Amino acid sequence: MIYNTLIYSYICVGISMKRFLTILITGLFFIAAVILGLKNQQLVTLDFLIAQNELRLSTLLAIIFGMGFLGAALCFSYFLIALKITNARLRKINNKQHKIIDDLRIKTEKINS
């Protein structure tokens, strides 16, 4: 049943195989993190510069996983914004060049006529 749903989403929604596999692998890592978190209920002592704290291993794993996800999201956002800015700049240059080409075509048509 799940296999049919995944195939349906791949064919009908139109997502690429690379994106599909990326989502699938990310989901598997998330499930593995949850399973490891549920199995590890030991207390772990954290030594900070000033203080000391005891947390369950599952809580520590969730915090570290969340920080990693947040860091990856920030890096992705930075590169996405940089690419969008570059794309906008190149589109502007492309539009200018199209106008120049159109003007040259009109001038050559006038000369040839």
N, C-alpha and C. Protein backbone atom coordinates (compact mmCIF):
# COMPACT_ATOMS: atom_id res chain seq x y z
N MET A 1 0.83 -1.20 0.00
CA MET A 1 0.00 0.00 0.00
C MET A 1 0.87 1.26 0.00
N ILE A 2 1.89 1.28 0.89
CA ILE A 2 2.76 2.45 0.94
C ILE A 2 3.55 2.56 -0.35
N TYR A 3 4.00 1.42 -0.90
CA TYR A 3 4.75 1.43 -2.15
C TYR A 3 3.92 2.03 -3.27
N ASN A 4 2.65 1.65 -3.35
CA ASN A 4 1.77 2.19 -4.38
C ASN A 4 1.58 3.69 -4.21
N THR A 5 1.47 4.16 -2.98
CA THR A 5 1.31 5.59 -2.72
C THR A 5 2.56 6.36 -3.14
N LEU A 6 3.74 5.80 -2.85
CA LEU A 6 4.98 6.45 -3.24
C LEU A 6 5.13 6.51 -4.76
N ILE A 7 4.78 5.42 -5.43
CA ILE A 7 4.84 5.41 -6.89
C ILE A 7 3.85 6.41 -7.46
N TYR A 8 2.65 6.48 -6.87
CA TYR A 8 1.64 7.43 -7.33
C TYR A 8 2.15 8.86 -7.17
N SER A 9 2.76 9.16 -6.03
CA SER A 9 3.25 10.52 -5.83
C SER A 9 4.39 10.82 -6.79
N TYR A 10 5.20 9.82 -7.12
CA TYR A 10 6.30 10.04 -8.06
C TYR A 10 5.77 10.31 -9.47
N ILE A 11 4.80 9.53 -9.90
CA ILE A 11 4.30 9.65 -11.27
C ILE A 11 3.36 10.83 -11.43
N CYS A 12 2.39 10.97 -10.56
CA CYS A 12 1.33 11.97 -10.75
C CYS A 12 1.73 13.37 -10.32
N VAL A 13 2.46 13.48 -9.24
CA VAL A 13 2.83 14.81 -8.76
C VAL A 13 3.98 15.38 -9.58
N GLY A 14 4.84 14.52 -10.09
CA GLY A 14 5.89 14.96 -10.97
C GLY A 14 7.18 15.35 -10.27
N ILE A 15 7.43 14.80 -9.09
CA ILE A 15 8.70 15.11 -8.44
C ILE A 15 9.79 14.25 -9.06
N SER A 16 10.99 14.76 -9.09
CA SER A 16 12.10 14.02 -9.70
C SER A 16 12.55 12.90 -8.77
N MET A 17 13.23 11.94 -9.35
CA MET A 17 13.71 10.79 -8.58
C MET A 17 14.73 11.22 -7.53
N LYS A 18 15.56 12.20 -7.86
CA LYS A 18 16.56 12.68 -6.90
C LYS A 18 15.88 13.29 -5.68
N ARG A 19 14.87 14.11 -5.91
CA ARG A 19 14.15 14.72 -4.80
C ARG A 19 13.41 13.66 -3.98
N PHE A 20 12.83 12.67 -4.68
CA PHE A 20 12.12 11.59 -4.00
C PHE A 20 13.05 10.83 -3.08
N LEU A 21 14.24 10.45 -3.59
CA LEU A 21 15.20 9.72 -2.77
C LEU A 21 15.73 10.56 -1.62
N THR A 22 15.92 11.84 -1.84
CA THR A 22 16.38 12.73 -0.77
C THR A 22 15.35 12.80 0.35
N ILE A 23 14.09 12.94 0.00
CA ILE A 23 13.03 12.99 1.01
C ILE A 23 12.94 11.66 1.74
N LEU A 24 13.06 10.56 1.01
CA LEU A 24 12.97 9.23 1.61
C LEU A 24 14.12 9.00 2.59
N ILE A 25 15.35 9.34 2.20
CA ILE A 25 16.51 9.13 3.08
C ILE A 25 16.44 10.04 4.30
N THR A 26 16.00 11.28 4.11
CA THR A 26 15.85 12.20 5.25
C THR A 26 14.81 11.66 6.23
N GLY A 27 13.73 11.15 5.71
CA GLY A 27 12.70 10.56 6.57
C GLY A 27 13.22 9.36 7.34
N LEU A 28 14.03 8.53 6.69
CA LEU A 28 14.60 7.37 7.37
C LEU A 28 15.56 7.81 8.48
N PHE A 29 16.37 8.84 8.23
CA PHE A 29 17.25 9.34 9.29
C PHE A 29 16.44 9.89 10.46
N PHE A 30 15.36 10.59 10.17
CA PHE A 30 14.52 11.13 11.23
C PHE A 30 13.90 10.01 12.06
N ILE A 31 13.41 8.96 11.39
CA ILE A 31 12.83 7.83 12.11
C ILE A 31 13.88 7.13 12.96
N ALA A 32 15.10 6.97 12.43
CA ALA A 32 16.18 6.36 13.20
C ALA A 32 16.52 7.20 14.43
N ALA A 33 16.52 8.53 14.29
CA ALA A 33 16.81 9.40 15.43
C ALA A 33 15.72 9.27 16.49
N VAL A 34 14.47 9.18 16.07
CA VAL A 34 13.38 9.02 17.04
C VAL A 34 13.49 7.69 17.76
N ILE A 35 13.79 6.62 17.03
CA ILE A 35 13.92 5.29 17.66
C ILE A 35 15.08 5.28 18.65
N LEU A 36 16.22 5.85 18.25
CA LEU A 36 17.36 5.90 19.17
C LEU A 36 17.03 6.75 20.40
N GLY A 37 16.28 7.81 20.19
CA GLY A 37 15.90 8.67 21.30
C GLY A 37 14.98 7.99 22.27
N LEU A 38 14.08 7.18 21.77
CA LEU A 38 13.14 6.47 22.65
C LEU A 38 13.83 5.35 23.42
N LYS A 39 14.85 4.76 22.85
CA LYS A 39 15.53 3.64 23.52
C LYS A 39 16.55 4.12 24.56
N ASN A 40 17.04 5.32 24.44
CA ASN A 40 18.09 5.81 25.34
C ASN A 40 17.51 6.77 26.36
N GLN A 41 17.21 6.26 27.54
CA GLN A 41 16.66 7.08 28.61
C GLN A 41 17.68 7.32 29.73
N GLN A 42 18.95 7.11 29.44
CA GLN A 42 19.99 7.30 30.45
C GLN A 42 20.20 8.78 30.72
N LEU A 43 20.68 9.08 31.91
CA LEU A 43 21.03 10.46 32.24
C LEU A 43 22.47 10.74 31.83
N VAL A 44 22.66 11.88 31.20
CA VAL A 44 23.98 12.29 30.74
C VAL A 44 24.31 13.63 31.39
N THR A 45 25.53 13.76 31.90
CA THR A 45 25.96 15.00 32.53
C THR A 45 26.66 15.86 31.50
N LEU A 46 26.20 17.10 31.36
CA LEU A 46 26.81 18.07 30.45
C LEU A 46 27.56 19.10 31.27
N ASP A 47 28.82 19.30 30.96
CA ASP A 47 29.63 20.31 31.64
C ASP A 47 29.77 21.52 30.73
N PHE A 48 29.20 22.64 31.15
CA PHE A 48 29.35 23.90 30.43
C PHE A 48 30.52 24.65 31.04
N LEU A 49 30.81 25.84 30.52
CA LEU A 49 31.90 26.62 31.09
C LEU A 49 31.61 27.01 32.53
N ILE A 50 30.36 27.36 32.81
CA ILE A 50 30.01 27.86 34.14
C ILE A 50 29.20 26.83 34.93
N ALA A 51 28.32 26.13 34.27
CA ALA A 51 27.37 25.27 34.97
C ALA A 51 27.50 23.81 34.53
N GLN A 52 26.69 23.00 35.19
CA GLN A 52 26.63 21.58 34.89
C GLN A 52 25.16 21.19 34.86
N ASN A 53 24.78 20.33 33.92
CA ASN A 53 23.38 19.97 33.78
C ASN A 53 23.27 18.49 33.46
N GLU A 54 22.20 17.86 33.93
CA GLU A 54 21.94 16.47 33.61
C GLU A 54 20.69 16.39 32.74
N LEU A 55 20.83 15.74 31.60
CA LEU A 55 19.72 15.56 30.66
C LEU A 55 19.61 14.09 30.30
N ARG A 56 18.39 13.70 29.90
CA ARG A 56 18.24 12.36 29.37
C ARG A 56 18.89 12.34 27.99
N LEU A 57 19.40 11.19 27.61
CA LEU A 57 20.09 11.06 26.33
C LEU A 57 19.14 11.34 25.16
N SER A 58 17.87 10.97 25.32
CA SER A 58 16.90 11.23 24.25
C SER A 58 16.68 12.73 24.06
N THR A 59 16.64 13.48 25.15
CA THR A 59 16.48 14.93 25.06
C THR A 59 17.70 15.57 24.42
N LEU A 60 18.88 15.12 24.81
CA LEU A 60 20.11 15.64 24.23
C LEU A 60 20.18 15.33 22.73
N LEU A 61 19.77 14.12 22.35
CA LEU A 61 19.76 13.75 20.94
C LEU A 61 18.79 14.63 20.16
N ALA A 62 17.63 14.92 20.72
CA ALA A 62 16.65 15.77 20.04
C ALA A 62 17.18 17.20 19.88
N ILE A 63 17.86 17.71 20.91
CA ILE A 63 18.42 19.07 20.84
C ILE A 63 19.50 19.14 19.77
N ILE A 64 20.40 18.18 19.75
CA ILE A 64 21.48 18.17 18.76
C ILE A 64 20.92 18.00 17.35
N PHE A 65 19.93 17.13 17.18
CA PHE A 65 19.30 16.93 15.88
C PHE A 65 18.64 18.22 15.41
N GLY A 66 17.93 18.90 16.32
CA GLY A 66 17.28 20.16 15.97
C GLY A 66 18.28 21.25 15.60
N MET A 67 19.39 21.31 16.34
CA MET A 67 20.42 22.31 16.02
C MET A 67 21.04 22.02 14.66
N GLY A 68 21.26 20.76 14.34
CA GLY A 68 21.80 20.40 13.04
C GLY A 68 20.84 20.74 11.92
N PHE A 69 19.56 20.47 12.15
CA PHE A 69 18.54 20.79 11.14
C PHE A 69 18.46 22.30 10.93
N LEU A 70 18.51 23.05 12.01
CA LEU A 70 18.46 24.52 11.92
C LEU A 70 19.69 25.06 11.19
N GLY A 71 20.86 24.53 11.51
CA GLY A 71 22.08 24.96 10.83
C GLY A 71 22.04 24.66 9.34
N ALA A 72 21.55 23.48 8.98
CA ALA A 72 21.44 23.13 7.56
C ALA A 72 20.42 24.03 6.86
N ALA A 73 19.32 24.35 7.53
CA ALA A 73 18.30 25.22 6.94
C ALA A 73 18.86 26.63 6.72
N LEU A 74 19.67 27.12 7.66
CA LEU A 74 20.28 28.44 7.50
C LEU A 74 21.27 28.47 6.34
N CYS A 75 22.10 27.43 6.22
CA CYS A 75 23.04 27.36 5.10
C CYS A 75 22.30 27.28 3.78
N PHE A 76 21.27 26.46 3.72
CA PHE A 76 20.48 26.33 2.50
C PHE A 76 19.82 27.65 2.14
N SER A 77 19.29 28.34 3.13
CA SER A 77 18.63 29.62 2.87
C SER A 77 19.61 30.64 2.32
N TYR A 78 20.82 30.67 2.87
CA TYR A 78 21.84 31.60 2.40
C TYR A 78 22.14 31.36 0.92
N PHE A 79 22.40 30.10 0.56
CA PHE A 79 22.73 29.79 -0.82
C PHE A 79 21.54 30.00 -1.75
N LEU A 80 20.33 29.72 -1.27
CA LEU A 80 19.14 29.94 -2.08
C LEU A 80 18.94 31.42 -2.38
N ILE A 81 19.12 32.25 -1.37
CA ILE A 81 18.97 33.70 -1.58
C ILE A 81 20.06 34.23 -2.51
N ALA A 82 21.29 33.73 -2.35
CA ALA A 82 22.37 34.16 -3.25
C ALA A 82 22.07 33.76 -4.69
N LEU A 83 21.53 32.57 -4.90
CA LEU A 83 21.19 32.15 -6.25
C LEU A 83 20.04 32.96 -6.83
N LYS A 84 19.06 33.31 -6.00
CA LYS A 84 17.95 34.12 -6.48
C LYS A 84 18.41 35.52 -6.88
N ILE A 85 19.32 36.09 -6.11
CA ILE A 85 19.86 37.42 -6.44
C ILE A 85 20.64 37.35 -7.75
N THR A 86 21.47 36.33 -7.91
CA THR A 86 22.23 36.16 -9.15
C THR A 86 21.29 35.95 -10.34
N ASN A 87 20.24 35.15 -10.13
CA ASN A 87 19.27 34.90 -11.19
C ASN A 87 18.56 36.19 -11.61
N ALA A 88 18.18 37.01 -10.65
CA ALA A 88 17.50 38.28 -10.97
C ALA A 88 18.43 39.21 -11.75
N ARG A 89 19.70 39.26 -11.34
CA ARG A 89 20.67 40.11 -12.04
C ARG A 89 20.88 39.64 -13.47
N LEU A 90 21.00 38.33 -13.66
CA LEU A 90 21.20 37.79 -15.00
C LEU A 90 19.96 37.96 -15.88
N ARG A 91 18.77 37.86 -15.29
CA ARG A 91 17.55 38.11 -16.06
C ARG A 91 17.48 39.55 -16.54
N LYS A 92 17.90 40.46 -15.68
CA LYS A 92 17.91 41.88 -16.06
C LYS A 92 18.86 42.11 -17.23
N ILE A 93 20.04 41.53 -17.18
CA ILE A 93 21.01 41.64 -18.27
C ILE A 93 20.44 41.00 -19.53
N ASN A 94 19.81 39.86 -19.39
CA ASN A 94 19.22 39.16 -20.54
C ASN A 94 18.13 40.00 -21.20
N ASN A 95 17.28 40.63 -20.40
CA ASN A 95 16.23 41.48 -20.96
C ASN A 95 16.82 42.67 -21.71
N LYS A 96 17.88 43.26 -21.17
CA LYS A 96 18.55 44.37 -21.87
C LYS A 96 19.10 43.90 -23.21
N GLN A 97 19.72 42.74 -23.22
CA GLN A 97 20.28 42.22 -24.46
C GLN A 97 19.18 41.90 -25.48
N HIS A 98 18.04 41.39 -25.01
CA HIS A 98 16.92 41.14 -25.92
C HIS A 98 16.41 42.45 -26.55
N LYS A 99 16.36 43.50 -25.75
CA LYS A 99 15.94 44.80 -26.30
C LYS A 99 16.92 45.30 -27.35
N ILE A 100 18.21 45.15 -27.09
CA ILE A 100 19.23 45.58 -28.05
C ILE A 100 19.11 44.77 -29.34
N ILE A 101 18.92 43.48 -29.23
CA ILE A 101 18.78 42.63 -30.42
C ILE A 101 17.54 43.01 -31.21
N ASP A 102 16.43 43.26 -30.51
CA ASP A 102 15.20 43.68 -31.20
C ASP A 102 15.40 45.00 -31.93
N ASP A 103 16.08 45.95 -31.29
CA ASP A 103 16.36 47.24 -31.95
C ASP A 103 17.22 47.05 -33.19
N LEU A 104 18.22 46.19 -33.10
CA LEU A 104 19.08 45.93 -34.26
C LEU A 104 18.30 45.26 -35.40
N ARG A 105 17.41 44.35 -35.06
CA ARG A 105 16.58 43.71 -36.09
C ARG A 105 15.69 44.73 -36.80
N ILE A 106 15.11 45.63 -36.03
CA ILE A 106 14.25 46.66 -36.62
C ILE A 106 15.08 47.54 -37.54
N LYS A 107 16.28 47.93 -37.10
CA LYS A 107 17.15 48.79 -37.93
C LYS A 107 17.55 48.08 -39.21
N THR A 108 17.90 46.79 -39.14
CA THR A 108 18.29 46.07 -40.35
C THR A 108 17.11 45.88 -41.30
N GLU A 109 15.91 45.69 -40.73
CA GLU A 109 14.72 45.57 -41.59
C GLU A 109 14.44 46.89 -42.31
N LYS A 110 14.66 48.01 -41.64
CA LYS A 110 14.47 49.32 -42.26
C LYS A 110 15.50 49.55 -43.38
N ILE A 111 16.74 49.10 -43.11
CA ILE A 111 17.80 49.29 -44.10
C ILE A 111 17.52 48.42 -45.33
N ASN A 112 17.11 47.17 -45.09
CA ASN A 112 16.85 46.24 -46.18
C ASN A 112 15.58 46.58 -46.96
N SER A 113 14.67 47.32 -46.37
CA SER A 113 13.41 47.64 -47.05
C SER A 113 13.53 48.75 -48.02
